[in-house]
N, C-alpha and C. Protein backbone atom coordinates (compact mmCIF):
# COMPACT_ATOMS: atom_id res chain seq x y z
N MET A 1 102.60 -38.80 -63.50
CA MET A 1 101.81 -37.60 -63.64
C MET A 1 102.10 -36.98 -65.00
N ARG A 2 101.04 -36.48 -65.64
CA ARG A 2 101.17 -35.79 -66.92
C ARG A 2 100.57 -34.40 -66.78
N ILE A 3 101.24 -33.40 -67.34
CA ILE A 3 100.75 -32.02 -67.31
C ILE A 3 100.53 -31.60 -68.75
N LEU A 4 99.27 -31.25 -69.07
CA LEU A 4 98.85 -30.96 -70.44
C LEU A 4 98.12 -29.62 -70.49
N ILE A 5 97.90 -29.14 -71.72
CA ILE A 5 97.10 -27.95 -71.94
C ILE A 5 95.90 -28.35 -72.79
N GLN A 6 94.71 -27.90 -72.36
CA GLN A 6 93.48 -28.29 -73.04
C GLN A 6 92.64 -27.07 -73.41
N ASP A 7 92.00 -27.16 -74.56
CA ASP A 7 91.01 -26.17 -74.97
C ASP A 7 89.68 -26.60 -74.36
N PRO A 8 89.08 -25.77 -73.49
CA PRO A 8 87.87 -26.20 -72.80
C PRO A 8 86.64 -26.35 -73.70
N GLU A 9 86.62 -25.65 -74.82
CA GLU A 9 85.47 -25.75 -75.72
C GLU A 9 85.50 -27.02 -76.55
N THR A 10 86.64 -27.30 -77.16
CA THR A 10 86.74 -28.46 -78.06
C THR A 10 87.19 -29.72 -77.34
N LYS A 11 87.70 -29.56 -76.12
CA LYS A 11 88.25 -30.66 -75.33
C LYS A 11 89.52 -31.25 -75.95
N SER A 12 90.10 -30.57 -76.94
CA SER A 12 91.33 -31.05 -77.56
C SER A 12 92.53 -30.57 -76.75
N PHE A 13 93.65 -31.26 -76.95
CA PHE A 13 94.86 -30.98 -76.20
C PHE A 13 95.92 -30.39 -77.13
N PHE A 14 96.76 -29.52 -76.56
CA PHE A 14 97.83 -28.93 -77.34
C PHE A 14 98.83 -30.03 -77.70
N SER A 15 99.17 -30.11 -78.98
CA SER A 15 100.07 -31.15 -79.47
C SER A 15 101.03 -30.53 -80.48
N GLY A 16 102.11 -29.97 -79.99
CA GLY A 16 103.07 -29.32 -80.89
C GLY A 16 102.48 -28.07 -81.49
N ASP A 17 102.31 -28.05 -82.80
CA ASP A 17 101.74 -26.89 -83.48
C ASP A 17 100.24 -26.98 -83.67
N ASN A 18 99.62 -28.06 -83.22
CA ASN A 18 98.21 -28.31 -83.46
C ASN A 18 97.47 -28.62 -82.17
N TRP A 19 96.17 -28.86 -82.31
CA TRP A 19 95.34 -29.34 -81.22
C TRP A 19 94.83 -30.71 -81.63
N ASP A 20 94.78 -31.63 -80.70
CA ASP A 20 94.41 -33.01 -81.01
C ASP A 20 93.48 -33.54 -79.93
N VAL A 21 92.44 -34.23 -80.33
CA VAL A 21 91.52 -34.81 -79.35
C VAL A 21 92.12 -36.03 -78.66
N ASP A 22 93.16 -36.59 -79.25
CA ASP A 22 93.83 -37.75 -78.67
C ASP A 22 94.83 -37.28 -77.61
N GLU A 23 94.47 -37.48 -76.37
CA GLU A 23 95.32 -37.07 -75.25
C GLU A 23 96.71 -37.70 -75.31
N ASN A 24 96.82 -38.88 -75.89
CA ASN A 24 98.11 -39.57 -75.95
C ASN A 24 99.12 -38.85 -76.84
N ARG A 25 98.65 -37.98 -77.74
CA ARG A 25 99.55 -37.22 -78.61
C ARG A 25 99.82 -35.82 -78.08
N ALA A 26 99.31 -35.50 -76.91
CA ALA A 26 99.46 -34.16 -76.34
C ALA A 26 100.89 -33.91 -75.88
N THR A 27 101.28 -32.64 -75.99
CA THR A 27 102.58 -32.21 -75.48
C THR A 27 102.53 -32.24 -73.96
N GLU A 28 103.55 -32.82 -73.34
CA GLU A 28 103.63 -32.87 -71.88
C GLU A 28 104.61 -31.82 -71.39
N PHE A 29 104.27 -31.18 -70.29
CA PHE A 29 105.11 -30.15 -69.69
C PHE A 29 105.73 -30.71 -68.42
N GLY A 30 106.92 -30.22 -68.08
CA GLY A 30 107.65 -30.72 -66.92
C GLY A 30 107.01 -30.36 -65.59
N ASN A 31 106.36 -29.20 -65.54
CA ASN A 31 105.66 -28.78 -64.33
C ASN A 31 104.57 -27.79 -64.69
N VAL A 32 103.71 -27.47 -63.75
CA VAL A 32 102.58 -26.59 -64.04
C VAL A 32 103.03 -25.17 -64.36
N ALA A 33 104.11 -24.72 -63.75
CA ALA A 33 104.62 -23.38 -64.04
C ALA A 33 105.02 -23.26 -65.51
N GLN A 34 105.64 -24.29 -66.06
CA GLN A 34 106.01 -24.28 -67.48
C GLN A 34 104.77 -24.23 -68.36
N ALA A 35 103.76 -24.99 -68.02
CA ALA A 35 102.52 -25.00 -68.80
C ALA A 35 101.84 -23.64 -68.74
N GLU A 36 101.77 -23.04 -67.55
CA GLU A 36 101.16 -21.72 -67.41
C GLU A 36 101.92 -20.66 -68.20
N GLU A 37 103.24 -20.68 -68.11
CA GLU A 37 104.07 -19.72 -68.84
C GLU A 37 103.92 -19.90 -70.35
N PHE A 38 103.87 -21.13 -70.81
CA PHE A 38 103.67 -21.39 -72.23
C PHE A 38 102.36 -20.78 -72.70
N CYS A 39 101.30 -20.94 -71.92
CA CYS A 39 100.00 -20.38 -72.29
C CYS A 39 100.07 -18.86 -72.38
N ARG A 40 100.79 -18.22 -71.45
CA ARG A 40 100.94 -16.77 -71.50
C ARG A 40 101.73 -16.34 -72.73
N GLN A 41 102.84 -17.01 -72.98
CA GLN A 41 103.69 -16.66 -74.12
C GLN A 41 102.99 -16.87 -75.45
N GLN A 42 102.17 -17.90 -75.55
CA GLN A 42 101.49 -18.23 -76.80
C GLN A 42 100.11 -17.57 -76.92
N ASN A 43 99.76 -16.77 -75.92
CA ASN A 43 98.48 -16.07 -75.92
C ASN A 43 97.31 -17.05 -76.12
N LEU A 44 97.24 -18.01 -75.26
CA LEU A 44 96.15 -18.99 -75.27
C LEU A 44 95.14 -18.55 -74.21
N PRO A 45 94.21 -17.68 -74.58
CA PRO A 45 93.38 -17.01 -73.59
C PRO A 45 92.41 -17.90 -72.82
N MET A 46 92.05 -19.03 -73.34
CA MET A 46 91.05 -19.86 -72.66
C MET A 46 91.60 -21.23 -72.25
N ALA A 47 92.89 -21.38 -72.23
CA ALA A 47 93.49 -22.69 -71.97
C ALA A 47 93.32 -23.14 -70.52
N LEU A 48 93.21 -24.45 -70.39
CA LEU A 48 93.21 -25.09 -69.07
C LEU A 48 94.51 -25.87 -68.92
N VAL A 49 95.08 -25.84 -67.73
CA VAL A 49 96.18 -26.73 -67.39
C VAL A 49 95.53 -27.96 -66.80
N VAL A 50 95.86 -29.12 -67.34
CA VAL A 50 95.28 -30.38 -66.88
C VAL A 50 96.40 -31.23 -66.29
N VAL A 51 96.19 -31.68 -65.07
CA VAL A 51 97.16 -32.53 -64.39
C VAL A 51 96.52 -33.90 -64.23
N ARG A 52 97.13 -34.89 -64.90
CA ARG A 52 96.62 -36.27 -64.86
C ARG A 52 97.53 -37.10 -63.95
N PHE A 53 96.90 -37.86 -63.08
CA PHE A 53 97.63 -38.76 -62.17
C PHE A 53 97.32 -40.20 -62.54
N LYS A 54 98.11 -41.12 -62.01
CA LYS A 54 97.83 -42.54 -62.25
C LYS A 54 96.44 -42.90 -61.76
N ASP A 55 96.07 -42.37 -60.61
CA ASP A 55 94.72 -42.54 -60.08
C ASP A 55 93.87 -41.39 -60.62
N ALA A 56 93.06 -41.66 -61.62
CA ALA A 56 92.29 -40.63 -62.31
C ALA A 56 91.36 -39.84 -61.38
N SER A 57 91.04 -40.39 -60.24
CA SER A 57 90.16 -39.67 -59.32
C SER A 57 90.84 -38.42 -58.75
N ASN A 58 92.16 -38.34 -58.89
CA ASN A 58 92.91 -37.18 -58.40
C ASN A 58 93.19 -36.14 -59.48
N ASP A 59 92.79 -36.39 -60.73
CA ASP A 59 93.04 -35.47 -61.83
C ASP A 59 92.41 -34.10 -61.55
N ILE A 60 93.09 -33.03 -61.97
CA ILE A 60 92.56 -31.68 -61.80
C ILE A 60 92.77 -30.88 -63.09
N SER A 61 91.98 -29.84 -63.24
CA SER A 61 92.20 -28.87 -64.31
C SER A 61 91.85 -27.50 -63.77
N TYR A 62 92.54 -26.48 -64.29
CA TYR A 62 92.29 -25.11 -63.83
C TYR A 62 92.74 -24.14 -64.92
N PRO A 63 92.23 -22.91 -64.90
CA PRO A 63 92.63 -21.92 -65.91
C PRO A 63 94.11 -21.60 -65.82
N ALA A 64 94.76 -21.54 -66.96
CA ALA A 64 96.19 -21.25 -66.99
C ALA A 64 96.49 -19.83 -66.54
N SER A 65 95.54 -18.94 -66.68
CA SER A 65 95.73 -17.54 -66.32
C SER A 65 94.59 -17.09 -65.42
N ALA A 66 94.92 -16.42 -64.35
CA ALA A 66 93.89 -15.95 -63.41
C ALA A 66 92.91 -15.01 -64.09
N ARG A 67 93.37 -14.21 -65.06
CA ARG A 67 92.47 -13.27 -65.73
C ARG A 67 91.42 -13.99 -66.56
N ASP A 68 91.69 -15.23 -66.92
CA ASP A 68 90.74 -16.00 -67.71
C ASP A 68 89.73 -16.73 -66.85
N ASP A 69 89.93 -16.71 -65.56
CA ASP A 69 89.08 -17.47 -64.65
C ASP A 69 87.61 -17.08 -64.80
N VAL A 70 87.31 -15.81 -64.94
CA VAL A 70 85.92 -15.37 -65.06
C VAL A 70 85.29 -15.92 -66.34
N GLN A 71 86.02 -15.88 -67.45
CA GLN A 71 85.52 -16.40 -68.71
C GLN A 71 85.31 -17.90 -68.66
N LEU A 72 86.12 -18.59 -67.87
CA LEU A 72 86.07 -20.05 -67.82
C LEU A 72 85.07 -20.59 -66.81
N LYS A 73 84.37 -19.74 -66.11
CA LYS A 73 83.42 -20.21 -65.11
C LYS A 73 82.40 -21.18 -65.71
N ARG A 74 82.09 -21.00 -66.99
CA ARG A 74 81.09 -21.88 -67.61
C ARG A 74 81.64 -23.27 -67.89
N TYR A 75 82.95 -23.45 -67.79
CA TYR A 75 83.57 -24.75 -68.01
C TYR A 75 83.95 -25.36 -66.67
N SER A 76 83.95 -26.65 -66.60
CA SER A 76 84.34 -27.33 -65.38
C SER A 76 85.84 -27.14 -65.14
N THR A 77 86.19 -26.59 -63.99
CA THR A 77 87.59 -26.42 -63.63
C THR A 77 87.83 -27.05 -62.25
N LYS A 78 87.19 -28.16 -62.02
CA LYS A 78 87.35 -28.88 -60.77
C LYS A 78 87.92 -30.27 -61.07
N ARG A 79 87.92 -31.08 -60.09
CA ARG A 79 88.44 -32.44 -60.28
C ARG A 79 87.72 -33.11 -61.44
N LEU A 80 88.50 -33.76 -62.27
CA LEU A 80 87.95 -34.48 -63.43
C LEU A 80 87.55 -35.87 -62.99
N ARG A 81 86.64 -36.43 -63.71
CA ARG A 81 86.24 -37.82 -63.42
C ARG A 81 86.31 -38.62 -64.68
């Protein structure tokens, strides 16, 4: 399982100090709570937490912050395919 942070508009992933479209270079977090806290600390207002599983049909993404949920309604925050 991989836990990542994604920009829903550009589809790029957080990678250290930058954003990268290559998911393989994305920063991985130990758990979803760490990813959510990182987004709060770094003031990433539109970030998605993305959880990737070996079986891609189980992948999920959701807003890192509940207050951003309304803004993110226009983006898919359900199971990824």
